[in-house]
């Protein structure tokens, strides 16, 4: 209890309450938490599924995940040249079909089908993740940039931890074969936070500070 009270007091110091007067930040913080849930909830157990489904080694499963990682990197790099609100909304829209495609897979699905789902999911997350940080920074005053950036990263970390815990809870216990067979079903449950993420990002103000590249408050 003492540790919890100390953590809450530290949060109040590092994330001043005045930040929540900005509507964009009231949207970005919970959206970042949901992004963390979805990102790590989908990626941590994916190599286990690939290993079992396609008989791969640990190294092979990591390489088989490239259709997820490479589009993620490419989308993150290219998204900075677009309108931020459009990018994050497009990403949130793509996350839903990506989860559906992977959620309908099973251990007998062809690799091309799984790779297509991973690619859609990677592009979706790539369009969202860094742009949420940029949106938060652009919505803050220059004096609050450090506090806002650290708050966004911290919230995302909490969401990542929650995503791993929730997905692990849905998978339950058992050998890798059991976990891999249950993994697609767990991704279908992830549609709930995915829809919530889309609804939150749709609530972003239509006119955002820094919605065009290069603009700063």
Protein backbone atom coordinates (compact mmCIF):
# COMPACT_ATOMS: atom_id res chain seq x y z
CA UNK A 1 0.00 0.00 0.00
CA UNK A 2 2.84 2.41 0.84
CA UNK A 3 4.51 1.60 -2.48
CA UNK A 4 1.25 2.25 -4.35
CA UNK A 5 0.77 5.61 -2.61
CA UNK A 6 4.37 6.54 -3.44
CA UNK A 7 3.90 5.62 -7.11
CA UNK A 8 0.69 7.67 -7.33
CA UNK A 9 2.39 10.67 -5.76
CA UNK A 10 5.30 10.33 -8.19
CA UNK A 11 2.85 10.21 -11.10
CA UNK A 12 1.30 13.46 -9.90
CA UNK A 13 4.71 15.12 -9.85
CA UNK A 14 5.81 13.89 -13.27
CA UNK A 15 2.42 14.36 -14.96
CA UNK A 16 0.87 17.66 -13.79
CA UNK A 17 -2.92 17.74 -13.74
CA UNK A 18 -2.93 20.80 -16.01
CA UNK A 19 -1.99 18.53 -18.90
CA UNK A 20 -5.46 17.03 -18.86
CA UNK A 21 -6.98 20.39 -19.68
CA UNK A 22 -5.94 19.69 -23.28
CA UNK A 23 -8.54 17.52 -25.02
CA UNK A 24 -6.00 15.86 -27.28
CA UNK A 25 -4.02 14.61 -24.29
CA UNK A 26 -7.16 13.26 -22.62
CA UNK A 27 -7.55 11.10 -25.71
CA UNK A 28 -3.89 10.23 -26.34
CA UNK A 29 -3.13 8.87 -22.84
CA UNK A 30 -5.85 6.15 -22.75
CA UNK A 31 -5.33 5.43 -26.45
CA UNK A 32 -1.63 4.83 -25.76
CA UNK A 33 -2.51 2.39 -22.96
CA UNK A 34 -4.82 0.45 -25.30
CA UNK A 35 -2.13 0.45 -27.96
CA UNK A 36 0.28 -1.13 -25.48
CA UNK A 37 -2.28 -3.80 -24.60
CA UNK A 38 -2.83 -4.69 -28.25
CA UNK A 39 0.80 -4.44 -29.34
CA UNK A 40 2.33 -6.73 -26.75
CA UNK A 41 -0.75 -8.88 -26.39
CA UNK A 42 -0.37 -9.84 -30.03
CA UNK A 43 3.42 -10.03 -30.40
CA UNK A 44 4.74 -11.82 -27.30
CA UNK A 45 3.06 -15.16 -27.99
CA UNK A 46 3.22 -14.96 -31.80
CA UNK A 47 6.60 -16.77 -32.08
CA UNK A 48 5.21 -19.72 -30.10
CA UNK A 49 2.32 -19.99 -32.55
CA UNK A 50 4.70 -19.82 -35.54
CA UNK A 51 6.98 -22.46 -34.06
CA UNK A 52 4.19 -24.95 -33.47
CA UNK A 53 2.12 -24.23 -36.57
CA UNK A 54 5.00 -24.42 -39.04
CA UNK A 55 7.51 -26.61 -37.19
CA UNK A 56 10.11 -23.85 -36.94
CA UNK A 57 13.04 -23.36 -34.61
CA UNK A 58 13.14 -20.31 -32.35
CA UNK A 59 15.34 -18.53 -34.90
CA UNK A 60 13.08 -19.55 -37.75
CA UNK A 61 10.01 -18.30 -35.90
CA UNK A 62 11.72 -14.95 -35.38
CA UNK A 63 12.45 -14.70 -39.11
CA UNK A 64 8.92 -15.81 -39.92
CA UNK A 65 7.70 -12.78 -37.98
CA UNK A 66 9.27 -10.38 -40.48
CA UNK A 67 5.93 -9.78 -42.25
CA UNK A 68 4.89 -8.18 -38.95
CA UNK A 69 8.08 -6.29 -38.12
CA UNK A 70 9.13 -4.94 -41.51
CA UNK A 71 5.77 -3.31 -42.34
CA UNK A 72 5.73 -1.91 -38.81
CA UNK A 73 9.11 -0.24 -39.36
CA UNK A 74 8.18 0.99 -42.84
CA UNK A 75 4.84 2.43 -41.71
CA UNK A 76 6.48 4.14 -38.73
CA UNK A 77 9.08 5.73 -41.01
CA UNK A 78 6.60 6.88 -43.66
CA UNK A 79 3.78 8.00 -41.39
CA UNK A 80 5.66 11.10 -40.26
CA UNK A 81 5.03 12.72 -43.64
CA UNK A 82 1.25 12.49 -43.35
CA UNK A 83 -1.38 14.20 -41.26
CA UNK A 84 -1.08 12.75 -37.78
CA UNK A 85 -4.80 12.33 -37.10
CA UNK A 86 -5.32 10.63 -40.46
CA UNK A 87 -2.39 8.31 -39.83
CA UNK A 88 -3.50 7.13 -36.41
CA UNK A 89 -7.11 6.66 -37.56
CA UNK A 90 -5.96 4.66 -40.58
CA UNK A 91 -3.77 2.55 -38.33
CA UNK A 92 -6.61 1.88 -35.89
CA UNK A 93 -8.87 0.86 -38.78
CA UNK A 94 -6.24 -1.60 -40.05
CA UNK A 95 -5.67 -3.18 -36.63
CA UNK A 96 -9.19 -4.63 -36.55
CA UNK A 97 -9.02 -6.67 -39.79
CA UNK A 98 -5.47 -7.72 -38.90
CA UNK A 99 -6.70 -9.18 -35.63
CA UNK A 100 -9.63 -10.85 -37.38
CA UNK A 101 -7.39 -12.50 -39.97
CA UNK A 102 -4.99 -13.83 -37.33
CA UNK A 103 -7.83 -14.68 -34.98
CA UNK A 104 -9.40 -16.95 -37.60
CA UNK A 105 -6.12 -18.78 -38.24
CA UNK A 106 -5.35 -22.19 -36.81
CA UNK A 107 -2.40 -24.56 -36.71
CA UNK A 108 -3.23 -25.78 -40.24
CA UNK A 109 -3.46 -22.35 -41.85
CA UNK A 110 -0.98 -21.67 -44.68
CA UNK A 111 1.88 -19.36 -43.88
CA UNK A 112 0.82 -16.88 -46.59
CA UNK A 113 -2.50 -16.35 -44.79
CA UNK A 114 -0.81 -15.78 -41.42
CA UNK A 115 1.79 -13.49 -43.02
CA UNK A 116 -0.96 -11.38 -44.58
CA UNK A 117 -2.58 -10.89 -41.18
CA UNK A 118 0.77 -10.03 -39.61
CA UNK A 119 1.49 -7.47 -42.35
CA UNK A 120 -1.85 -5.69 -41.88
CA UNK A 121 -1.34 -5.63 -38.12
CA UNK A 122 2.23 -4.36 -38.47
CA UNK A 123 1.19 -1.50 -40.75
CA UNK A 124 -1.64 -0.57 -38.39
CA UNK A 125 0.54 -0.43 -35.29
CA UNK A 126 3.32 1.32 -37.19
CA UNK A 127 0.98 4.13 -38.20
CA UNK A 128 -0.17 4.63 -34.63
CA UNK A 129 2.66 4.18 -32.16
CA UNK A 130 5.12 7.00 -32.79
CA UNK A 131 2.43 9.36 -34.04
CA UNK A 132 0.66 9.18 -30.68
CA UNK A 133 3.86 10.41 -29.05
CA UNK A 134 4.11 13.23 -31.59
CA UNK A 135 0.46 14.20 -31.08
CA UNK A 136 1.00 14.40 -27.34
CA UNK A 137 4.14 16.49 -27.74
CA UNK A 138 2.45 18.89 -30.16
CA UNK A 139 -0.50 19.33 -27.83
CA UNK A 140 1.71 20.26 -24.86
CA UNK A 141 3.39 23.52 -23.99
CA UNK A 142 7.17 23.59 -24.53
CA UNK A 143 7.75 23.55 -20.78
CA UNK A 144 5.74 20.31 -20.48
CA UNK A 145 7.35 18.38 -23.33
CA UNK A 146 9.48 16.24 -21.02
CA UNK A 147 6.58 15.41 -18.71
CA UNK A 148 4.25 14.58 -21.59
CA UNK A 149 6.77 12.38 -23.39
CA UNK A 150 7.65 10.41 -20.26
CA UNK A 151 3.96 10.06 -19.38
CA UNK A 152 3.10 8.66 -22.81
CA UNK A 153 5.96 6.16 -22.70
CA UNK A 154 5.04 5.13 -19.14
CA UNK A 155 1.37 4.66 -19.98
CA UNK A 156 2.32 2.58 -23.01
CA UNK A 157 4.55 0.43 -20.80
CA UNK A 158 1.69 -0.18 -18.37
CA UNK A 159 -0.50 -1.17 -21.30
CA UNK A 160 2.14 -3.55 -22.63
CA UNK A 161 2.41 -5.29 -19.26
CA UNK A 162 -1.38 -5.56 -19.05
CA UNK A 163 -1.55 -6.93 -22.60
CA UNK A 164 0.91 -9.72 -21.86
CA UNK A 165 -0.89 -10.58 -18.62
CA UNK A 166 -4.35 -10.61 -20.23
CA UNK A 167 -3.26 -12.67 -23.22
CA UNK A 168 -1.39 -15.09 -20.97
CA UNK A 169 -4.50 -15.42 -18.82
CA UNK A 170 -6.63 -16.21 -21.87
CA UNK A 171 -4.13 -18.81 -23.08
CA UNK A 172 -3.92 -20.53 -19.72
CA UNK A 173 -1.31 -23.16 -18.91
CA UNK A 174 -0.02 -26.08 -20.89
CA UNK A 175 2.61 -27.20 -23.38
CA UNK A 176 3.51 -24.97 -26.34
CA UNK A 177 1.07 -26.88 -28.57
CA UNK A 178 -1.84 -25.96 -26.30
CA UNK A 179 -0.81 -22.32 -26.08
CA UNK A 180 -0.35 -22.06 -29.84
CA UNK A 181 -3.77 -23.57 -30.51
CA UNK A 182 -5.41 -21.07 -28.14
CA UNK A 183 -3.53 -18.02 -29.44
CA UNK A 184 -5.84 -17.10 -32.36
CA UNK A 185 -8.86 -17.17 -30.07
CA UNK A 186 -7.14 -14.78 -27.69
CA UNK A 187 -6.62 -12.35 -30.58
CA UNK A 188 -10.36 -12.34 -31.26
CA UNK A 189 -10.89 -11.14 -27.68
CA UNK A 190 -8.46 -8.31 -28.51
CA UNK A 191 -11.09 -6.89 -30.86
CA UNK A 192 -12.73 -5.28 -27.81
CA UNK A 193 -9.78 -2.97 -26.97
CA UNK A 194 -9.17 -2.51 -30.72
CA UNK A 195 -12.66 -1.07 -31.21
CA UNK A 196 -12.21 1.06 -28.08
CA UNK A 197 -8.92 2.37 -29.52
CA UNK A 198 -10.61 3.30 -32.79
CA UNK A 199 -13.42 5.08 -30.95
CA UNK A 200 -10.93 7.05 -28.85
CA UNK A 201 -8.85 8.13 -31.84
CA UNK A 202 -11.99 9.14 -33.70
CA UNK A 203 -12.64 11.53 -30.79
CA UNK A 204 -9.41 13.43 -31.44
CA UNK A 205 -10.08 17.08 -32.21
CA UNK A 206 -10.41 17.77 -35.91
CA UNK A 207 -7.88 20.58 -35.69
CA UNK A 208 -4.77 19.48 -33.84
CA UNK A 209 -1.62 21.38 -33.04
CA UNK A 210 1.13 20.04 -35.28
CA UNK A 211 -1.30 18.07 -37.44
CA UNK A 212 0.97 18.97 -40.33
CA UNK A 213 4.63 17.92 -40.24
CA UNK A 214 7.01 20.49 -38.88
CA UNK A 215 4.54 22.53 -36.85
CA UNK A 216 5.19 23.05 -33.16
CA UNK A 217 3.30 24.99 -30.50
